[in-house]
Amino acid sequence: MGLLEELAVRCEAATGADRELDCLIWAEVTEQKVVWTGGDGHLLVIGDSAIGSIDPGKHSRNFSCNRQPTGPGSIPAYTGSLEAGRSIWDDWDHCEVYRPDHQTLGWTVHMYGNANAWRGSVDGFAPTEAAAWTAASLRGLALSKGSDT
């Protein structure tokens, strides 16, 4: 499983916006080096900048990010914003979005490939629409790069 697929799976498991995951997606999409550093690996460094840190709590990771989701120097809120999730990869020809109903527990985004660039389809299934878009877009990006999906 490639890193883009791992990030897509994490999106599908997210129950809401997740800034730590947003930072890791941003690093992969922009091809930045990611390092967890500090004495106990609590500081996230992407490229040459410290981006966030973890204050390990009893029941959660308590990640805090020092970058805003919009504006100069921002890291998009991929897991919390439809526009950000869609911006990862837009080389699809047709897309279907299914809302949760009594048979499904989450949103489904199904993208069909553009016959000129690639053939196939990718899916994202998550509790939130933004996370489903992000998961599908990550899989599409992996497919267009020839990565494992």
N, C-alpha and C. Protein backbone atom coordinates (compact mmCIF):
# COMPACT_ATOMS: atom_id res chain seq x y z
N MET A 1 0.86 -1.18 0.00
CA MET A 1 0.00 0.00 0.00
C MET A 1 0.90 1.23 0.00
N GLY A 2 0.64 2.14 -0.93
CA GLY A 2 1.42 3.36 -1.01
C GLY A 2 0.96 4.39 0.02
N LEU A 3 1.75 5.44 0.18
CA LEU A 3 1.44 6.46 1.17
C LEU A 3 0.13 7.19 0.86
N LEU A 4 -0.14 7.46 -0.42
CA LEU A 4 -1.39 8.13 -0.77
C LEU A 4 -2.60 7.28 -0.37
N GLU A 5 -2.50 5.97 -0.58
CA GLU A 5 -3.59 5.07 -0.17
C GLU A 5 -3.72 5.03 1.36
N GLU A 6 -2.59 5.02 2.07
CA GLU A 6 -2.63 5.05 3.54
C GLU A 6 -3.34 6.31 4.03
N LEU A 7 -3.04 7.44 3.40
CA LEU A 7 -3.70 8.69 3.78
C LEU A 7 -5.19 8.64 3.44
N ALA A 8 -5.55 8.03 2.31
CA ALA A 8 -6.97 7.89 1.93
C ALA A 8 -7.71 7.04 2.96
N VAL A 9 -7.09 5.97 3.41
CA VAL A 9 -7.71 5.10 4.42
C VAL A 9 -7.89 5.86 5.73
N ARG A 10 -6.90 6.66 6.11
CA ARG A 10 -7.04 7.47 7.33
C ARG A 10 -8.16 8.48 7.21
N CYS A 11 -8.33 9.07 6.00
CA CYS A 11 -9.45 9.99 5.77
C CYS A 11 -10.77 9.28 6.00
N GLU A 12 -10.87 8.09 5.46
CA GLU A 12 -12.12 7.33 5.59
C GLU A 12 -12.43 6.94 7.03
N ALA A 13 -11.41 6.85 7.85
CA ALA A 13 -11.60 6.51 9.26
C ALA A 13 -11.85 7.74 10.13
N ALA A 14 -11.53 8.92 9.61
CA ALA A 14 -11.68 10.15 10.40
C ALA A 14 -13.17 10.43 10.65
N THR A 15 -13.48 10.83 11.85
CA THR A 15 -14.87 11.14 12.20
C THR A 15 -15.18 12.62 12.07
N GLY A 16 -14.18 13.40 11.72
CA GLY A 16 -14.35 14.84 11.53
C GLY A 16 -13.05 15.43 11.03
N ALA A 17 -12.97 16.74 11.02
CA ALA A 17 -11.75 17.41 10.56
C ALA A 17 -10.56 16.99 11.42
N ASP A 18 -9.42 16.80 10.79
CA ASP A 18 -8.22 16.29 11.47
C ASP A 18 -7.02 17.07 10.94
N ARG A 19 -6.53 18.03 11.71
CA ARG A 19 -5.43 18.89 11.25
C ARG A 19 -4.12 18.13 11.10
N GLU A 20 -3.87 17.14 11.92
CA GLU A 20 -2.66 16.34 11.76
C GLU A 20 -2.68 15.65 10.40
N LEU A 21 -3.80 15.05 10.06
CA LEU A 21 -3.95 14.39 8.77
C LEU A 21 -3.86 15.40 7.63
N ASP A 22 -4.46 16.58 7.80
CA ASP A 22 -4.35 17.65 6.80
C ASP A 22 -2.88 17.96 6.50
N CYS A 23 -2.08 18.08 7.55
CA CYS A 23 -0.66 18.41 7.39
C CYS A 23 0.08 17.31 6.63
N LEU A 24 -0.20 16.06 6.95
CA LEU A 24 0.46 14.95 6.27
C LEU A 24 0.04 14.87 4.80
N ILE A 25 -1.24 15.13 4.53
CA ILE A 25 -1.71 15.16 3.13
C ILE A 25 -1.03 16.28 2.38
N TRP A 26 -0.99 17.47 2.98
CA TRP A 26 -0.35 18.63 2.34
C TRP A 26 1.11 18.33 2.01
N ALA A 27 1.81 17.70 2.94
CA ALA A 27 3.22 17.37 2.71
C ALA A 27 3.37 16.42 1.53
N GLU A 28 2.49 15.43 1.43
CA GLU A 28 2.57 14.47 0.33
C GLU A 28 2.19 15.11 -1.00
N VAL A 29 1.12 15.90 -1.00
CA VAL A 29 0.66 16.54 -2.24
C VAL A 29 1.69 17.53 -2.76
N THR A 30 2.36 18.25 -1.87
CA THR A 30 3.36 19.24 -2.28
C THR A 30 4.78 18.66 -2.31
N GLU A 31 4.88 17.36 -2.07
CA GLU A 31 6.15 16.63 -2.12
C GLU A 31 7.18 17.20 -1.15
N GLN A 32 6.75 17.42 0.08
CA GLN A 32 7.63 17.92 1.14
C GLN A 32 8.10 16.75 2.02
N LYS A 33 9.26 16.88 2.56
CA LYS A 33 9.79 15.88 3.49
C LYS A 33 9.11 16.05 4.85
N VAL A 34 8.72 14.93 5.46
CA VAL A 34 8.06 14.94 6.77
C VAL A 34 8.95 14.26 7.79
N VAL A 35 9.14 14.92 8.93
CA VAL A 35 9.93 14.34 10.01
C VAL A 35 9.23 14.63 11.33
N TRP A 36 9.06 13.59 12.14
CA TRP A 36 8.62 13.78 13.52
C TRP A 36 9.90 13.85 14.34
N THR A 37 10.11 14.93 15.05
CA THR A 37 11.36 15.14 15.76
C THR A 37 11.09 15.51 17.22
N GLY A 38 12.11 15.94 17.89
CA GLY A 38 11.98 16.23 19.32
C GLY A 38 12.37 14.99 20.10
N GLY A 39 12.57 15.16 21.37
CA GLY A 39 13.00 14.05 22.22
C GLY A 39 12.12 12.82 22.13
N ASP A 40 10.82 13.01 22.07
CA ASP A 40 9.90 11.87 22.02
C ASP A 40 9.08 11.88 20.73
N GLY A 41 9.58 12.52 19.68
CA GLY A 41 8.89 12.54 18.39
C GLY A 41 7.59 13.32 18.42
N HIS A 42 7.55 14.41 19.16
CA HIS A 42 6.30 15.15 19.32
C HIS A 42 6.17 16.38 18.42
N LEU A 43 7.22 16.71 17.65
CA LEU A 43 7.20 17.91 16.82
C LEU A 43 7.18 17.51 15.35
N LEU A 44 6.19 18.02 14.59
CA LEU A 44 6.08 17.71 13.16
C LEU A 44 6.80 18.79 12.36
N VAL A 45 7.81 18.37 11.58
CA VAL A 45 8.57 19.28 10.72
C VAL A 45 8.31 18.86 9.28
N ILE A 46 7.82 19.81 8.47
CA ILE A 46 7.60 19.56 7.05
C ILE A 46 8.48 20.54 6.30
N GLY A 47 9.32 19.98 5.41
CA GLY A 47 10.30 20.82 4.74
C GLY A 47 11.29 21.32 5.79
N ASP A 48 11.40 22.62 5.91
CA ASP A 48 12.30 23.21 6.90
C ASP A 48 11.56 23.89 8.04
N SER A 49 10.24 23.68 8.13
CA SER A 49 9.44 24.41 9.11
C SER A 49 8.74 23.49 10.10
N ALA A 50 8.77 23.89 11.36
CA ALA A 50 7.96 23.20 12.37
C ALA A 50 6.51 23.58 12.12
N ILE A 51 5.66 22.60 11.91
CA ILE A 51 4.27 22.83 11.53
C ILE A 51 3.30 22.60 12.68
N GLY A 52 3.60 21.63 13.51
CA GLY A 52 2.67 21.32 14.59
C GLY A 52 3.34 20.45 15.63
N SER A 53 2.61 20.19 16.69
CA SER A 53 3.16 19.37 17.75
C SER A 53 2.06 18.54 18.40
N ILE A 54 2.51 17.52 19.11
CA ILE A 54 1.59 16.64 19.81
C ILE A 54 1.87 16.76 21.30
N ASP A 55 0.80 16.94 22.04
CA ASP A 55 0.85 16.88 23.48
C ASP A 55 0.06 15.62 23.83
N PRO A 56 0.74 14.48 23.91
CA PRO A 56 0.00 13.23 24.07
C PRO A 56 -0.92 13.27 25.29
N GLY A 57 -2.18 13.08 25.03
CA GLY A 57 -3.16 13.02 26.10
C GLY A 57 -3.44 11.58 26.47
N LYS A 58 -4.28 11.41 27.45
CA LYS A 58 -4.59 10.07 27.91
C LYS A 58 -5.37 9.28 26.86
N HIS A 59 -6.27 9.97 26.13
CA HIS A 59 -7.13 9.28 25.18
C HIS A 59 -6.99 9.76 23.74
N SER A 60 -6.18 10.77 23.47
CA SER A 60 -6.02 11.26 22.10
C SER A 60 -4.64 11.86 21.92
N ARG A 61 -4.31 12.17 20.65
CA ARG A 61 -2.98 12.69 20.35
C ARG A 61 -2.87 14.19 20.60
N ASN A 62 -3.97 14.91 20.66
CA ASN A 62 -3.96 16.35 20.94
C ASN A 62 -2.98 17.11 20.04
N PHE A 63 -3.14 16.97 18.72
CA PHE A 63 -2.28 17.64 17.76
C PHE A 63 -2.68 19.10 17.62
N SER A 64 -1.69 19.98 17.60
CA SER A 64 -1.98 21.39 17.33
C SER A 64 -1.10 21.84 16.16
N CYS A 65 -1.73 22.58 15.24
CA CYS A 65 -1.06 23.05 14.03
C CYS A 65 -0.89 24.56 14.13
N ASN A 66 0.29 25.06 13.75
CA ASN A 66 0.53 26.50 13.82
C ASN A 66 0.25 27.21 12.49
N ARG A 67 -0.39 26.52 11.54
CA ARG A 67 -0.73 27.12 10.26
C ARG A 67 -2.25 27.20 10.11
N GLN A 68 -2.73 28.30 9.55
CA GLN A 68 -4.16 28.47 9.30
C GLN A 68 -4.57 27.66 8.06
N PRO A 69 -5.87 27.33 7.91
CA PRO A 69 -6.32 26.59 6.74
C PRO A 69 -6.44 27.42 5.46
N THR A 70 -6.41 28.75 5.57
CA THR A 70 -6.46 29.61 4.39
C THR A 70 -5.48 30.76 4.57
N GLY A 71 -5.13 31.40 3.46
CA GLY A 71 -4.24 32.55 3.52
C GLY A 71 -2.80 32.18 3.24
N PRO A 72 -1.91 33.17 3.31
CA PRO A 72 -0.50 32.95 3.02
C PRO A 72 0.12 31.93 3.98
N GLY A 73 0.90 31.00 3.43
CA GLY A 73 1.57 30.01 4.24
C GLY A 73 0.64 28.98 4.87
N SER A 74 -0.56 28.87 4.34
CA SER A 74 -1.57 28.00 4.95
C SER A 74 -1.40 26.54 4.56
N ILE A 75 -2.02 25.69 5.35
CA ILE A 75 -2.17 24.27 5.03
C ILE A 75 -3.67 24.03 4.95
N PRO A 76 -4.15 23.66 3.76
CA PRO A 76 -5.60 23.50 3.58
C PRO A 76 -6.21 22.48 4.54
N ALA A 77 -7.45 22.69 4.88
CA ALA A 77 -8.19 21.78 5.76
C ALA A 77 -8.84 20.70 4.90
N TYR A 78 -8.04 19.80 4.36
CA TYR A 78 -8.54 18.78 3.44
C TYR A 78 -9.67 17.96 4.04
N THR A 79 -9.56 17.60 5.31
CA THR A 79 -10.57 16.74 5.94
C THR A 79 -11.79 17.52 6.41
N GLY A 80 -11.77 18.83 6.29
CA GLY A 80 -12.89 19.64 6.75
C GLY A 80 -13.47 20.57 5.70
N SER A 81 -12.94 20.55 4.49
CA SER A 81 -13.37 21.49 3.46
C SER A 81 -13.55 20.77 2.12
N LEU A 82 -14.73 20.92 1.53
CA LEU A 82 -14.98 20.31 0.22
C LEU A 82 -14.01 20.84 -0.83
N GLU A 83 -13.81 22.16 -0.84
CA GLU A 83 -12.94 22.76 -1.85
C GLU A 83 -11.50 22.26 -1.71
N ALA A 84 -11.02 22.14 -0.49
CA ALA A 84 -9.65 21.67 -0.29
C ALA A 84 -9.51 20.22 -0.75
N GLY A 85 -10.47 19.38 -0.39
CA GLY A 85 -10.43 17.99 -0.81
C GLY A 85 -10.46 17.83 -2.32
N ARG A 86 -11.27 18.63 -2.97
CA ARG A 86 -11.37 18.58 -4.43
C ARG A 86 -10.11 19.11 -5.11
N SER A 87 -9.38 19.99 -4.43
CA SER A 87 -8.21 20.63 -5.06
C SER A 87 -7.01 19.69 -5.20
N ILE A 88 -7.02 18.57 -4.52
CA ILE A 88 -5.88 17.64 -4.58
C ILE A 88 -5.69 17.09 -5.98
N TRP A 89 -6.79 16.74 -6.62
CA TRP A 89 -6.71 16.10 -7.92
C TRP A 89 -8.03 16.34 -8.64
N ASP A 90 -7.97 16.89 -9.84
CA ASP A 90 -9.21 17.22 -10.53
C ASP A 90 -9.27 16.66 -11.95
N ASP A 91 -8.51 15.62 -12.21
CA ASP A 91 -8.47 15.04 -13.56
C ASP A 91 -9.49 13.91 -13.71
N TRP A 92 -10.73 14.20 -13.38
CA TRP A 92 -11.79 13.22 -13.54
C TRP A 92 -12.82 13.75 -14.52
N ASP A 93 -13.50 12.82 -15.17
CA ASP A 93 -14.46 13.17 -16.21
C ASP A 93 -15.89 13.25 -15.68
N HIS A 94 -16.21 12.39 -14.75
CA HIS A 94 -17.57 12.33 -14.21
C HIS A 94 -17.48 11.91 -12.75
N CYS A 95 -18.32 12.48 -11.93
CA CYS A 95 -18.28 12.17 -10.51
C CYS A 95 -19.70 12.00 -9.98
N GLU A 96 -19.87 11.03 -9.09
CA GLU A 96 -21.15 10.82 -8.42
C GLU A 96 -20.91 10.93 -6.92
N VAL A 97 -21.80 11.64 -6.24
CA VAL A 97 -21.71 11.80 -4.79
C VAL A 97 -23.00 11.27 -4.19
N TYR A 98 -22.87 10.37 -3.24
CA TYR A 98 -24.02 9.78 -2.58
C TYR A 98 -24.05 10.18 -1.12
N ARG A 99 -25.18 10.71 -0.69
CA ARG A 99 -25.37 11.10 0.71
C ARG A 99 -25.64 9.86 1.57
N PRO A 100 -25.33 9.97 2.86
CA PRO A 100 -25.67 8.86 3.75
C PRO A 100 -27.18 8.64 3.79
N ASP A 101 -27.59 7.40 3.87
CA ASP A 101 -29.01 7.10 4.01
C ASP A 101 -29.15 5.91 4.96
N HIS A 102 -30.31 5.30 4.97
CA HIS A 102 -30.53 4.20 5.91
C HIS A 102 -29.69 2.96 5.58
N GLN A 103 -29.12 2.88 4.38
CA GLN A 103 -28.30 1.74 4.01
C GLN A 103 -26.80 2.00 4.15
N THR A 104 -26.42 3.26 4.06
CA THR A 104 -25.00 3.59 4.17
C THR A 104 -24.78 4.47 5.39
N LEU A 105 -23.62 4.37 5.95
CA LEU A 105 -23.31 5.14 7.16
C LEU A 105 -22.46 6.36 6.87
N GLY A 106 -22.14 6.57 5.61
CA GLY A 106 -21.28 7.71 5.29
C GLY A 106 -21.47 8.17 3.86
N TRP A 107 -20.69 9.16 3.50
CA TRP A 107 -20.70 9.74 2.16
C TRP A 107 -19.86 8.87 1.23
N THR A 108 -20.29 8.78 -0.03
CA THR A 108 -19.52 8.08 -1.05
C THR A 108 -19.26 9.04 -2.20
N VAL A 109 -18.01 9.13 -2.63
CA VAL A 109 -17.62 9.90 -3.81
C VAL A 109 -17.01 8.91 -4.79
N HIS A 110 -17.56 8.85 -5.99
CA HIS A 110 -17.08 7.93 -7.02
C HIS A 110 -16.70 8.76 -8.24
N MET A 111 -15.42 8.73 -8.61
CA MET A 111 -14.92 9.50 -9.74
C MET A 111 -14.56 8.56 -10.88
N TYR A 112 -14.98 8.92 -12.09
CA TYR A 112 -14.66 8.15 -13.29
C TYR A 112 -13.58 8.87 -14.07
N GLY A 113 -12.68 8.08 -14.67
CA GLY A 113 -11.54 8.66 -15.36
C GLY A 113 -11.84 9.30 -16.68
N ASN A 114 -11.02 10.28 -16.99
CA ASN A 114 -11.03 10.96 -18.28
C ASN A 114 -10.32 10.04 -19.27
N ALA A 115 -10.99 9.66 -20.34
CA ALA A 115 -10.42 8.71 -21.31
C ALA A 115 -9.12 9.22 -21.92
N ASN A 116 -8.91 10.53 -21.96
CA ASN A 116 -7.68 11.07 -22.55
C ASN A 116 -6.48 10.95 -21.63
N ALA A 117 -6.69 10.95 -20.33
CA ALA A 117 -5.58 10.94 -19.39
C ALA A 117 -5.42 9.60 -18.68
N TRP A 118 -6.50 9.02 -18.24
CA TRP A 118 -6.45 7.74 -17.55
C TRP A 118 -7.81 7.07 -17.67
N ARG A 119 -7.84 5.81 -17.46
CA ARG A 119 -9.11 5.07 -17.50
C ARG A 119 -9.28 4.36 -16.17
N GLY A 120 -10.48 4.36 -15.68
CA GLY A 120 -10.74 3.69 -14.42
C GLY A 120 -11.62 4.53 -13.53
N SER A 121 -11.65 4.15 -12.28
CA SER A 121 -12.44 4.90 -11.33
C SER A 121 -11.80 4.79 -9.96
N VAL A 122 -12.12 5.74 -9.10
CA VAL A 122 -11.65 5.75 -7.72
C VAL A 122 -12.82 6.11 -6.82
N ASP A 123 -12.74 5.66 -5.58
CA ASP A 123 -13.81 5.90 -4.62
C ASP A 123 -13.26 6.46 -3.33
N GLY A 124 -14.13 7.16 -2.61
CA GLY A 124 -13.88 7.57 -1.25
C GLY A 124 -15.16 7.35 -0.46
N PHE A 125 -15.07 6.75 0.71
CA PHE A 125 -16.22 6.50 1.55
C PHE A 125 -15.86 6.92 2.97
N ALA A 126 -16.55 7.90 3.51
CA ALA A 126 -16.19 8.42 4.83
C ALA A 126 -17.41 9.00 5.54
N PRO A 127 -17.31 9.22 6.85
CA PRO A 127 -18.42 9.78 7.60
C PRO A 127 -18.79 11.21 7.19
N THR A 128 -17.82 11.96 6.64
CA THR A 128 -18.10 13.32 6.21
C THR A 128 -17.86 13.45 4.70
N GLU A 129 -18.57 14.37 4.07
CA GLU A 129 -18.42 14.57 2.63
C GLU A 129 -17.00 15.03 2.28
N ALA A 130 -16.45 15.93 3.09
CA ALA A 130 -15.10 16.44 2.82
C ALA A 130 -14.07 15.32 2.87
N ALA A 131 -14.16 14.46 3.85
CA ALA A 131 -13.20 13.35 3.97
C ALA A 131 -13.37 12.37 2.81
N ALA A 132 -14.60 12.13 2.35
CA ALA A 132 -14.84 11.24 1.21
C ALA A 132 -14.22 11.83 -0.06
N TRP A 133 -14.40 13.14 -0.29
CA TRP A 133 -13.78 13.81 -1.44
C TRP A 133 -12.26 13.69 -1.37
N THR A 134 -11.71 13.92 -0.18
CA THR A 134 -10.27 13.87 -0.02
C THR A 134 -9.73 12.48 -0.28
N ALA A 135 -10.40 11.45 0.25
CA ALA A 135 -9.96 10.07 0.03
C ALA A 135 -9.99 9.72 -1.46
N ALA A 136 -11.07 10.06 -2.13
CA ALA A 136 -11.17 9.77 -3.57
C ALA A 136 -10.10 10.54 -4.35
N SER A 137 -9.88 11.79 -4.00
CA SER A 137 -8.87 12.60 -4.70
C SER A 137 -7.47 12.05 -4.48
N LEU A 138 -7.17 11.58 -3.28
CA LEU A 138 -5.86 10.99 -3.02
C LEU A 138 -5.66 9.73 -3.86
N ARG A 139 -6.71 8.93 -3.98
CA ARG A 139 -6.61 7.72 -4.81
C ARG A 139 -6.45 8.08 -6.29
N GLY A 140 -7.14 9.12 -6.73
CA GLY A 140 -6.99 9.56 -8.11
C GLY A 140 -5.58 10.07 -8.37
N LEU A 141 -5.03 10.82 -7.43
CA LEU A 141 -3.66 11.31 -7.56
C LEU A 141 -2.69 10.14 -7.64
N ALA A 142 -2.88 9.14 -6.79
CA ALA A 142 -2.01 7.95 -6.81
C ALA A 142 -2.11 7.25 -8.16
N LEU A 143 -3.32 7.12 -8.68
CA LEU A 143 -3.53 6.47 -9.97
C LEU A 143 -2.83 7.25 -11.09
N SER A 144 -2.95 8.57 -11.06
CA SER A 144 -2.33 9.38 -12.11
C SER A 144 -0.81 9.36 -12.04
N LYS A 145 -0.26 9.14 -10.83
CA LYS A 145 1.19 9.06 -10.66
C LYS A 145 1.72 7.65 -10.90
N GLY A 146 0.78 6.70 -11.04
CA GLY A 146 1.20 5.31 -11.21
C GLY A 146 1.60 4.67 -9.90
N SER A 147 1.18 5.27 -8.77
CA SER A 147 1.51 4.73 -7.45
C SER A 147 0.56 3.60 -7.11
N ASP A 148 0.91 2.86 -6.08
CA ASP A 148 -0.01 1.86 -5.53
C ASP A 148 -1.20 2.55 -4.95
N THR A 149 -2.40 2.04 -5.22
CA THR A 149 -3.60 2.59 -4.63
C THR A 149 -4.21 1.61 -3.67
